[in-house]
Amino acid sequence: MQHRRVEILPSFQEAYDALSSDVQERVSEALAHFTERTADNALRPEMKNGFDNVWGIRVTNRYRAFYKKFRDSDGAIFCMFHVGHHDDYRVLKKLAARVSFTTQVRGSGAPSGQDGLRVTLQAHYGGAAKPPKR
């Protein structure tokens, strides 16, 4: 099975860095399972009520990793934007509104042509996304 495409946004990394080392370890494990599509039953992905396109996966009983799901020509991409307490709704409301999705078409040929067409994804959260720290 193909791995999920996951983008770690700066807001997620900042929240992750503020967690205790044991919770960070659990977050890393959950993200690995999510990316590899293993243990989806344990992660319990669910859409958050009252939010537009905000999803969460279970890290522990108290902590969730939150993301928005977008699509491009290559399929779904999951933009992780926060990790924190499952009931952290004020933070979610503030951050979720700032996560957007754009695609840029690059390559030779006019927009109507298909020659050398390449579609790239960029998720925005007050700046460009950076790769996850490992």
C-alpha atoms as a PDB file:
ATOM      1  CA  MET A   1       0.000   0.000   0.000  1.00  0.00           C
ATOM      2  CA  GLN A   2       1.276   3.461  -0.887  1.00  0.00           C
ATOM      3  CA  HIS A   3       2.319   5.769   1.952  1.00  0.00           C
ATOM      4  CA  ARG A   4       0.333   8.899   2.712  1.00  0.00           C
ATOM      5  CA  ARG A   5       1.894  12.206   1.716  1.00  0.00           C
ATOM      6  CA  VAL A   6       2.282  14.177   4.937  1.00  0.00           C
ATOM      7  CA  GLU A   7       3.460  17.785   5.206  1.00  0.00           C
ATOM      8  CA  ILE A   8       4.617  19.079   8.609  1.00  0.00           C
ATOM      9  CA  LEU A   9       3.874  22.794   8.970  1.00  0.00           C
ATOM     10  CA  PRO A  10       5.902  25.127  11.221  1.00  0.00           C
ATOM     11  CA  SER A  11       3.001  25.463  13.673  1.00  0.00           C
ATOM     12  CA  PHE A  12       3.020  21.682  14.161  1.00  0.00           C
ATOM     13  CA  GLN A  13       6.784  21.640  14.724  1.00  0.00           C
ATOM     14  CA  GLU A  14       6.514  24.457  17.292  1.00  0.00           C
ATOM     15  CA  ALA A  15       3.792  22.617  19.220  1.00  0.00           C
ATOM     16  CA  TYR A  16       5.768  19.359  18.977  1.00  0.00           C
ATOM     17  CA  ASP A  17       8.927  21.022  20.338  1.00  0.00           C
ATOM     18  CA  ALA A  18       6.975  22.244  23.393  1.00  0.00           C
ATOM     19  CA  LEU A  19       5.849  18.711  24.356  1.00  0.00           C
ATOM     20  CA  SER A  20       7.588  16.461  26.860  1.00  0.00           C
ATOM     21  CA  SER A  21       9.977  13.899  25.389  1.00  0.00           C
ATOM     22  CA  ASP A  22       7.651  10.959  26.140  1.00  0.00           C
ATOM     23  CA  VAL A  23       4.738  12.645  24.326  1.00  0.00           C
ATOM     24  CA  GLN A  24       7.074  13.586  21.451  1.00  0.00           C
ATOM     25  CA  GLU A  25       7.957   9.916  21.103  1.00  0.00           C
ATOM     26  CA  ARG A  26       4.267   8.975  20.966  1.00  0.00           C
ATOM     27  CA  VAL A  27       3.634  11.682  18.354  1.00  0.00           C
ATOM     28  CA  SER A  28       6.496  10.380  16.208  1.00  0.00           C
ATOM     29  CA  GLU A  29       5.114   6.842  16.450  1.00  0.00           C
ATOM     30  CA  ALA A  30       1.599   8.006  15.545  1.00  0.00           C
ATOM     31  CA  LEU A  31       2.879   9.974  12.536  1.00  0.00           C
ATOM     32  CA  ALA A  32       4.877   6.981  11.333  1.00  0.00           C
ATOM     33  CA  HIS A  33       1.794   4.754  11.566  1.00  0.00           C
ATOM     34  CA  PHE A  34      -0.345   7.392   9.858  1.00  0.00           C
ATOM     35  CA  THR A  35       2.144   7.884   7.012  1.00  0.00           C
ATOM     36  CA  GLU A  36       2.630   4.147   6.532  1.00  0.00           C
ATOM     37  CA  ARG A  37      -1.136   3.466   6.793  1.00  0.00           C
ATOM     38  CA  THR A  38      -0.684   1.045   9.668  1.00  0.00           C
ATOM     39  CA  ALA A  39      -2.788   0.991  12.833  1.00  0.00           C
ATOM     40  CA  ASP A  40      -5.530   3.278  11.459  1.00  0.00           C
ATOM     41  CA  ASN A  41      -8.000   1.730  13.913  1.00  0.00           C
ATOM     42  CA  ALA A  42      -5.806   2.748  16.852  1.00  0.00           C
ATOM     43  CA  LEU A  43      -5.250   6.266  15.468  1.00  0.00           C
ATOM     44  CA  ARG A  44      -9.003   6.798  14.969  1.00  0.00           C
ATOM     45  CA  PRO A  45      -8.865   9.531  12.310  1.00  0.00           C
ATOM     46  CA  GLU A  46     -11.915  11.749  12.695  1.00  0.00           C
ATOM     47  CA  MET A  47     -13.204  15.044  11.377  1.00  0.00           C
ATOM     48  CA  LYS A  48     -13.481  17.663  14.107  1.00  0.00           C
ATOM     49  CA  ASN A  49     -17.017  18.957  14.544  1.00  0.00           C
ATOM     50  CA  GLY A  50     -17.441  22.682  14.023  1.00  0.00           C
ATOM     51  CA  PHE A  51     -14.382  23.023  11.767  1.00  0.00           C
ATOM     52  CA  ASP A  52     -13.994  23.008   8.010  1.00  0.00           C
ATOM     53  CA  ASN A  53     -11.755  20.149   6.860  1.00  0.00           C
ATOM     54  CA  VAL A  54      -9.964  19.712  10.205  1.00  0.00           C
ATOM     55  CA  TRP A  55      -9.125  16.149  11.144  1.00  0.00           C
ATOM     56  CA  GLY A  56      -7.386  14.605  14.132  1.00  0.00           C
ATOM     57  CA  ILE A  57      -5.588  11.368  14.911  1.00  0.00           C
ATOM     58  CA  ARG A  58      -5.152   9.926  18.381  1.00  0.00           C
ATOM     59  CA  VAL A  59      -1.664  10.169  19.862  1.00  0.00           C
ATOM     60  CA  THR A  60      -2.674   9.348  23.454  1.00  0.00           C
ATOM     61  CA  ASN A  61      -5.938   9.622  25.368  1.00  0.00           C
ATOM     62  CA  ARG A  62      -5.203  13.338  25.896  1.00  0.00           C
ATOM     63  CA  TYR A  63      -3.246  14.323  22.770  1.00  0.00           C
ATOM     64  CA  ARG A  64      -4.191  14.564  19.102  1.00  0.00           C
ATOM     65  CA  ALA A  65      -2.332  15.490  15.938  1.00  0.00           C
ATOM     66  CA  PHE A  66      -4.473  17.778  13.773  1.00  0.00           C
ATOM     67  CA  TYR A  67      -4.358  18.132  10.009  1.00  0.00           C
ATOM     68  CA  LYS A  68      -6.175  19.365   6.941  1.00  0.00           C
ATOM     69  CA  LYS A  69      -6.614  17.095   3.953  1.00  0.00           C
ATOM     70  CA  PHE A  70      -6.165  18.464   0.433  1.00  0.00           C
ATOM     71  CA  ARG A  71      -5.979  16.953  -3.043  1.00  0.00           C
ATOM     72  CA  ASP A  72      -3.794  17.644  -6.038  1.00  0.00           C
ATOM     73  CA  SER A  73      -3.209  15.755  -9.283  1.00  0.00           C
ATOM     74  CA  ASP A  74      -1.197  13.106  -7.409  1.00  0.00           C
ATOM     75  CA  GLY A  75      -3.894  12.468  -4.792  1.00  0.00           C
ATOM     76  CA  ALA A  76      -4.362  13.373  -1.150  1.00  0.00           C
ATOM     77  CA  ILE A  77      -1.909  15.282   0.995  1.00  0.00           C
ATOM     78  CA  PHE A  78      -2.225  15.685   4.743  1.00  0.00           C
ATOM     79  CA  CYS A  79      -0.983  18.993   6.191  1.00  0.00           C
ATOM     80  CA  MET A  80      -0.236  18.545   9.899  1.00  0.00           C
ATOM     81  CA  PHE A  81      -0.668  21.924  11.576  1.00  0.00           C
ATOM     82  CA  HIS A  82      -1.004  21.278  15.340  1.00  0.00           C
ATOM     83  CA  VAL A  83      -0.430  18.696  18.035  1.00  0.00           C
ATOM     84  CA  GLY A  84      -1.879  19.179  21.487  1.00  0.00           C
ATOM     85  CA  HIS A  85      -4.728  18.404  23.861  1.00  0.00           C
ATOM     86  CA  HIS A  86      -7.763  16.889  22.196  1.00  0.00           C
ATOM     87  CA  ASP A  87      -9.972  19.752  23.428  1.00  0.00           C
ATOM     88  CA  ASP A  88      -7.658  22.596  22.369  1.00  0.00           C
ATOM     89  CA  TYR A  89     -10.410  24.258  20.310  1.00  0.00           C
ATOM     90  CA  ARG A  90      -9.260  27.882  20.660  1.00  0.00           C
ATOM     91  CA  VAL A  91      -5.848  27.033  19.257  1.00  0.00           C
ATOM     92  CA  LEU A  92      -7.397  24.911  16.504  1.00  0.00           C
ATOM     93  CA  LYS A  93      -9.739  27.683  15.445  1.00  0.00           C
ATOM     94  CA  LYS A  94      -6.868  30.170  15.190  1.00  0.00           C
ATOM     95  CA  LEU A  95      -4.491  27.855  13.325  1.00  0.00           C
ATOM     96  CA  ALA A  96      -6.958  26.070  11.033  1.00  0.00           C
ATOM     97  CA  ALA A  97      -8.074  29.341   9.472  1.00  0.00           C
ATOM     98  CA  ARG A  98      -4.467  30.049   8.428  1.00  0.00           C
ATOM     99  CA  VAL A  99      -3.788  26.757   6.616  1.00  0.00           C
ATOM    100  CA  SER A 100      -4.458  26.915   2.888  1.00  0.00           C
ATOM    101  CA  PHE A 101      -3.538  24.979  -0.205  1.00  0.00           C
ATOM    102  CA  THR A 102      -2.238  26.115  -3.583  1.00  0.00           C
ATOM    103  CA  THR A 103      -0.834  24.329  -6.585  1.00  0.00           C
ATOM    104  CA  GLN A 104       1.603  25.790  -9.036  1.00  0.00           C
ATOM    105  CA  VAL A 105       1.851  24.567 -12.596  1.00  0.00           C
ATOM    106  CA  ARG A 106       5.363  24.569 -14.005  1.00  0.00           C
ATOM    107  CA  GLY A 107       6.844  23.364 -17.237  1.00  0.00           C
ATOM    108  CA  SER A 108       6.888  24.143 -20.910  1.00  0.00           C
ATOM    109  CA  GLY A 109       3.752  24.824 -22.898  1.00  0.00           C
ATOM    110  CA  ALA A 110       0.759  27.051 -22.452  1.00  0.00           C
ATOM    111  CA  PRO A 111      -1.735  26.442 -19.646  1.00  0.00           C
ATOM    112  CA  SER A 112      -3.899  24.504 -22.100  1.00  0.00           C
ATOM    113  CA  GLY A 113      -0.938  22.302 -23.145  1.00  0.00           C
ATOM    114  CA  GLN A 114       0.308  19.247 -21.302  1.00  0.00           C
ATOM    115  CA  ASP A 115       3.988  19.298 -22.374  1.00  0.00           C
ATOM    116  CA  GLY A 116       6.328  19.107 -19.406  1.00  0.00           C
ATOM    117  CA  LEU A 117       3.533  19.929 -17.020  1.00  0.00           C
ATOM    118  CA  ARG A 118       4.427  19.514 -13.371  1.00  0.00           C
ATOM    119  CA  VAL A 119       2.136  20.245 -10.470  1.00  0.00           C
ATOM    120  CA  THR A 120       3.622  21.021  -7.065  1.00  0.00           C
ATOM    121  CA  LEU A 121       1.949  21.548  -3.742  1.00  0.00           C
ATOM    122  CA  GLN A 122       2.681  24.200  -1.203  1.00  0.00           C
ATOM    123  CA  ALA A 123       0.859  24.404   2.098  1.00  0.00           C
ATOM    124  CA  HIS A 124       0.945  27.787   3.770  1.00  0.00           C
ATOM    125  CA  TYR A 125       0.952  28.737   7.393  1.00  0.00           C
ATOM    126  CA  GLY A 126       2.421  32.181   7.676  1.00  0.00           C
ATOM    127  CA  GLY A 127       5.354  30.985   5.573  1.00  0.00           C
ATOM    128  CA  ALA A 128       6.583  27.988   3.664  1.00  0.00           C
ATOM    129  CA  ALA A 129       6.374  24.581   5.244  1.00  0.00           C
ATOM    130  CA  LYS A 130       9.580  23.015   6.438  1.00  0.00           C
ATOM    131  CA  PRO A 131      10.432  19.309   6.430  1.00  0.00           C
ATOM    132  CA  PRO A 132       9.835  17.339   9.630  1.00  0.00           C
ATOM    133  CA  LYS A 133      12.701  16.992  12.068  1.00  0.00           C
ATOM    134  CA  ARG A 134      13.769  13.400  12.525  1.00  0.00           C
END
